[in-house]
Amino acid sequence: MNFFNRFQGIFLSPQQAFKAISEKPIWLDALIILLIAIALFSYITTPYTNKDSIQMFENNIKLKERIGEERFNQMLENLKNPSQTRVIIRSFFIVPISSVIGFLVSSLIILGLGRLTSTEGKFVYIFSAYLYANFIDKILGNAVRLFLAVSRKSVMQNTTSLALFFPKLEITSPAFLILSQVDFFQLWLFGIFGFALAYIFKIELKKALFISYGFWLLKSVFYIAIIRLSMSLTGLG
């Protein structure tokens, strides 16, 4: 199965696609496509992300008192007039490198969870399958989010999660943060990823889905904790 067939198979026939990937874990092409998509999404949405950040921090008295007025004003100035070089470095180097690290660490944790039920499977198989599964979120999901960001001129005000049904929630509220983790594309991703784990670990689909969604839950809890800590330190929480 060539790359094009694997790519469309993730969306149209994930069982067949992941069966092929579990037999021949080719991952480099998938990684390159993902990193290009992630970098472009970051670059295009940077103006809207900066605009959102300015609105959040402009009247943040707690942060101004904590870091000093001079440093606070400099931070706002950098957001209002970002260096193009800095934007490019962030979007095309820092974000992709962080994504690679995230994919590697996630695959390692998933392998560890799989070891609780099976001695089958190797890291490279998990890594390859996880990359392809992320086409759902990082390509299709980000395409939808990009459309929303461009049309509404905002990134933080848009969501493809359960928070969509609660438009009056503040984006800094704990309720919004929790609901935002129940993202439709993430649920789809980890749903089909169960097929891959079933093939790789040679276990029942039910157990594979438990591992897949178990990792999603752990990842969500960790993300919420990090964001809450960050908001607390910046005076937003």
Protein backbone atom coordinates (compact mmCIF):
# COMPACT_ATOMS: atom_id res chain seq x y z
CA MET A 1 0.00 0.00 0.00
CA ASN A 2 1.55 3.32 -1.13
CA PHE A 3 1.39 6.60 0.77
CA PHE A 4 -1.67 7.90 -1.07
CA ASN A 5 -3.62 4.74 -0.27
CA ARG A 6 -2.56 4.87 3.37
CA PHE A 7 -3.46 8.55 3.56
CA GLN A 8 -6.99 8.17 2.20
CA GLY A 9 -7.39 4.88 4.03
CA ILE A 10 -7.04 6.63 7.41
CA PHE A 11 -10.24 8.55 6.62
CA LEU A 12 -12.17 6.00 4.54
CA SER A 13 -11.04 2.53 5.64
CA PRO A 14 -8.88 2.81 8.79
CA GLN A 15 -8.91 -0.93 9.52
CA GLN A 16 -7.24 -1.77 6.21
CA ALA A 17 -4.86 1.18 6.41
CA PHE A 18 -3.67 0.32 9.91
CA LYS A 19 -3.36 -3.37 9.04
CA ALA A 20 -0.95 -2.39 6.27
CA ILE A 21 0.92 0.02 8.55
CA SER A 22 1.21 -2.63 11.28
CA GLU A 23 2.86 -4.95 8.74
CA LYS A 24 5.20 -2.32 7.28
CA PRO A 25 5.75 0.70 9.54
CA ILE A 26 6.81 3.38 7.06
CA TRP A 27 6.75 6.64 9.03
CA LEU A 28 9.03 9.25 7.40
CA ASP A 29 6.57 10.39 4.73
CA ALA A 30 3.78 10.73 7.31
CA LEU A 31 6.04 12.73 9.64
CA ILE A 32 7.05 15.14 6.87
CA ILE A 33 3.43 15.79 5.83
CA LEU A 34 2.38 16.33 9.45
CA LEU A 35 5.20 18.76 10.20
CA ILE A 36 4.45 20.80 7.08
CA ALA A 37 0.77 20.97 8.03
CA ILE A 38 1.54 21.89 11.64
CA ALA A 39 4.08 24.58 10.64
CA LEU A 40 1.72 26.19 8.13
CA PHE A 41 -1.16 26.18 10.61
CA SER A 42 1.05 27.84 13.22
CA TYR A 43 2.34 30.46 10.78
CA ILE A 44 -1.05 31.39 9.30
CA THR A 45 -2.79 31.63 12.68
CA THR A 46 -0.02 33.60 14.42
CA PRO A 47 -1.68 37.03 13.85
CA TYR A 48 -4.93 35.79 15.37
CA THR A 49 -3.13 34.09 18.26
CA ASN A 50 -1.25 37.31 19.01
CA LYS A 51 -4.48 39.32 18.85
CA ASP A 52 -6.11 36.95 21.35
CA SER A 53 -3.08 37.13 23.63
CA ILE A 54 -3.09 40.92 23.57
CA GLN A 55 -6.73 41.01 24.62
CA MET A 56 -6.05 38.58 27.47
CA PHE A 57 -2.94 40.28 28.81
CA GLU A 58 -3.64 43.96 28.16
CA ASN A 59 -5.62 44.46 31.37
CA ASN A 60 -3.83 41.81 33.42
CA ILE A 61 -2.95 43.85 36.51
CA LYS A 62 -1.64 40.83 38.43
CA LEU A 63 0.90 39.98 35.74
CA LYS A 64 1.99 43.63 35.45
CA GLU A 65 2.64 43.78 39.20
CA ARG A 66 4.47 40.45 39.15
CA ILE A 67 6.92 41.14 36.31
CA GLY A 68 7.08 44.94 36.43
CA GLU A 69 5.54 47.56 34.17
CA GLU A 70 8.57 47.91 31.87
CA ARG A 71 8.81 44.20 31.11
CA PHE A 72 5.02 43.97 30.81
CA ASN A 73 4.91 46.78 28.25
CA GLN A 74 7.75 45.19 26.30
CA MET A 75 5.87 41.91 26.19
CA LEU A 76 2.77 43.65 24.85
CA GLU A 77 4.85 45.51 22.27
CA ASN A 78 6.32 42.20 21.04
CA LEU A 79 2.81 40.80 20.66
CA LYS A 80 1.55 43.88 18.82
CA ASN A 81 4.58 44.15 16.54
CA PRO A 82 6.11 40.67 16.31
CA SER A 83 9.41 40.18 14.54
CA GLN A 84 8.85 38.31 11.27
CA THR A 85 12.06 36.38 11.85
CA ARG A 86 10.82 35.29 15.28
CA VAL A 87 7.47 34.21 13.83
CA ILE A 88 9.19 32.12 11.13
CA ILE A 89 11.60 30.51 13.60
CA ARG A 90 8.75 29.66 15.95
CA SER A 91 6.40 28.33 13.27
CA PHE A 92 8.88 26.42 11.12
CA PHE A 93 11.44 25.28 13.67
CA ILE A 94 10.32 25.42 17.31
CA VAL A 95 6.75 24.19 16.76
CA PRO A 96 7.76 21.27 14.45
CA ILE A 97 10.58 20.19 16.78
CA SER A 98 8.20 20.30 19.75
CA SER A 99 5.70 18.25 17.74
CA VAL A 100 8.30 15.57 16.95
CA ILE A 101 9.18 15.32 20.63
CA GLY A 102 5.47 15.07 21.44
CA PHE A 103 4.93 12.28 18.93
CA LEU A 104 7.93 10.34 20.25
CA VAL A 105 6.99 10.70 23.92
CA SER A 106 3.34 9.86 23.22
CA SER A 107 4.32 6.73 21.30
CA LEU A 108 6.60 5.63 24.14
CA ILE A 109 3.83 6.08 26.73
CA ILE A 110 1.36 4.19 24.53
CA LEU A 111 3.88 1.37 24.18
CA GLY A 112 4.19 1.28 27.96
CA LEU A 113 0.41 1.09 28.36
CA GLY A 114 0.28 -1.68 25.80
CA ARG A 115 2.82 -3.68 27.74
CA LEU A 116 0.23 -4.03 30.50
CA THR A 117 -1.75 -6.37 28.25
CA SER A 118 0.69 -7.70 25.64
CA THR A 119 4.33 -8.50 24.98
CA GLU A 120 3.85 -8.00 21.23
CA GLY A 121 4.58 -4.82 19.28
CA LYS A 122 7.58 -2.52 18.91
CA PHE A 123 8.05 1.23 19.27
CA VAL A 124 8.47 1.92 15.55
CA TYR A 125 5.07 0.33 14.82
CA ILE A 126 3.35 2.47 17.43
CA PHE A 127 5.16 5.59 16.25
CA SER A 128 4.22 5.00 12.61
CA ALA A 129 0.57 4.27 13.37
CA TYR A 130 0.28 7.24 15.73
CA LEU A 131 1.61 9.58 13.05
CA TYR A 132 -0.94 8.37 10.52
CA ALA A 133 -3.76 8.58 13.07
CA ASN A 134 -2.83 12.22 13.62
CA PHE A 135 -3.83 13.02 10.04
CA ILE A 136 -7.35 13.21 11.49
CA ASP A 137 -6.51 15.98 13.95
CA LYS A 138 -3.49 17.77 12.50
CA ILE A 139 -4.69 17.91 8.88
CA LEU A 140 -8.49 17.66 8.77
CA GLY A 141 -9.04 19.07 12.26
CA ASN A 142 -6.62 21.95 11.76
CA ALA A 143 -8.16 22.71 8.37
CA VAL A 144 -11.52 23.24 10.08
CA ARG A 145 -9.90 25.27 12.88
CA LEU A 146 -8.03 27.39 10.33
CA PHE A 147 -11.26 28.16 8.50
CA LEU A 148 -12.87 29.22 11.78
CA ALA A 149 -9.84 31.31 12.80
CA VAL A 150 -9.69 33.17 9.49
CA SER A 151 -13.44 33.77 9.35
CA ARG A 152 -13.71 34.93 12.97
CA LYS A 153 -10.25 36.53 13.26
CA SER A 154 -9.60 34.57 16.45
CA VAL A 155 -8.07 31.27 17.52
CA MET A 156 -9.05 31.09 21.19
CA GLN A 157 -12.71 31.86 20.53
CA ASN A 158 -13.01 28.82 18.23
CA THR A 159 -13.25 25.19 19.22
CA THR A 160 -14.09 21.82 17.73
CA SER A 161 -14.89 20.35 21.13
CA LEU A 162 -17.84 20.07 23.51
CA ALA A 163 -17.14 23.67 24.54
CA LEU A 164 -18.74 24.60 21.21
CA PHE A 165 -22.15 24.03 22.81
CA PHE A 166 -21.42 26.48 25.65
CA PRO A 167 -20.60 29.77 23.87
CA LYS A 168 -21.01 31.87 27.02
CA LEU A 169 -18.21 30.11 28.89
CA GLU A 170 -15.07 32.17 29.49
CA ILE A 171 -12.11 30.61 27.69
CA THR A 172 -10.07 30.91 30.89
CA SER A 173 -12.64 29.07 33.01
CA PRO A 174 -11.96 25.53 34.29
CA ALA A 175 -15.21 24.32 32.67
CA PHE A 176 -14.12 25.55 29.23
CA LEU A 177 -10.68 24.04 29.69
CA ILE A 178 -12.12 20.62 30.54
CA LEU A 179 -14.74 20.64 27.79
CA SER A 180 -12.17 21.77 25.21
CA GLN A 181 -10.29 18.50 25.74
CA VAL A 182 -13.29 16.52 24.50
CA ASP A 183 -12.43 17.46 20.93
CA PHE A 184 -14.34 15.70 18.15
CA PHE A 185 -11.26 15.18 15.98
CA GLN A 186 -9.29 13.85 18.95
CA LEU A 187 -12.06 11.39 19.75
CA TRP A 188 -12.07 10.28 16.12
CA LEU A 189 -8.28 9.98 16.13
CA PHE A 190 -8.09 7.76 19.19
CA GLY A 191 -11.10 5.76 18.06
CA ILE A 192 -9.49 4.60 14.82
CA PHE A 193 -6.09 4.34 16.55
CA GLY A 194 -7.61 1.44 18.45
CA PHE A 195 -7.54 -0.60 15.23
CA ALA A 196 -3.80 -0.03 14.94
CA LEU A 197 -3.15 -1.05 18.55
CA ALA A 198 -5.24 -4.19 18.13
CA TYR A 199 -3.09 -5.24 15.17
CA ILE A 200 0.23 -4.20 16.69
CA PHE A 201 -0.29 -5.67 20.17
CA LYS A 202 -2.36 -8.58 18.82
CA ILE A 203 -5.16 -7.97 21.31
CA GLU A 204 -8.92 -7.57 21.19
CA LEU A 205 -10.26 -4.30 19.83
CA LYS A 206 -11.98 -3.60 23.17
CA LYS A 207 -8.64 -3.71 25.01
CA ALA A 208 -6.98 -1.67 22.27
CA LEU A 209 -9.63 1.05 22.57
CA PHE A 210 -9.17 1.06 26.34
CA ILE A 211 -5.44 1.73 25.84
CA SER A 212 -6.06 4.34 23.16
CA TYR A 213 -8.66 6.34 25.07
CA GLY A 214 -6.76 5.76 28.30
CA PHE A 215 -3.82 7.59 26.79
CA TRP A 216 -6.14 10.35 25.56
CA LEU A 217 -7.45 10.77 29.12
CA LEU A 218 -3.94 10.92 30.59
CA LYS A 219 -2.88 13.43 27.96
CA SER A 220 -5.93 15.59 28.63
CA VAL A 221 -5.39 15.62 32.40
CA PHE A 222 -1.73 16.53 31.93
CA TYR A 223 -2.64 19.34 29.51
CA ILE A 224 -5.26 20.76 31.85
CA ALA A 225 -2.80 20.72 34.75
CA ILE A 226 -0.12 22.51 32.71
CA ILE A 227 -2.52 25.17 31.43
CA ARG A 228 -3.97 25.79 34.90
CA LEU A 229 -0.46 26.19 36.31
CA SER A 230 0.45 28.58 33.48
CA MET A 231 -2.69 30.62 34.01
CA SER A 232 -2.02 30.80 37.73
CA LEU A 233 1.52 32.08 37.15
CA THR A 234 0.33 34.72 34.66
CA GLY A 235 -2.58 35.86 36.79
CA LEU A 236 -5.27 34.55 34.44
CA GLY A 237 -6.47 31.71 36.64
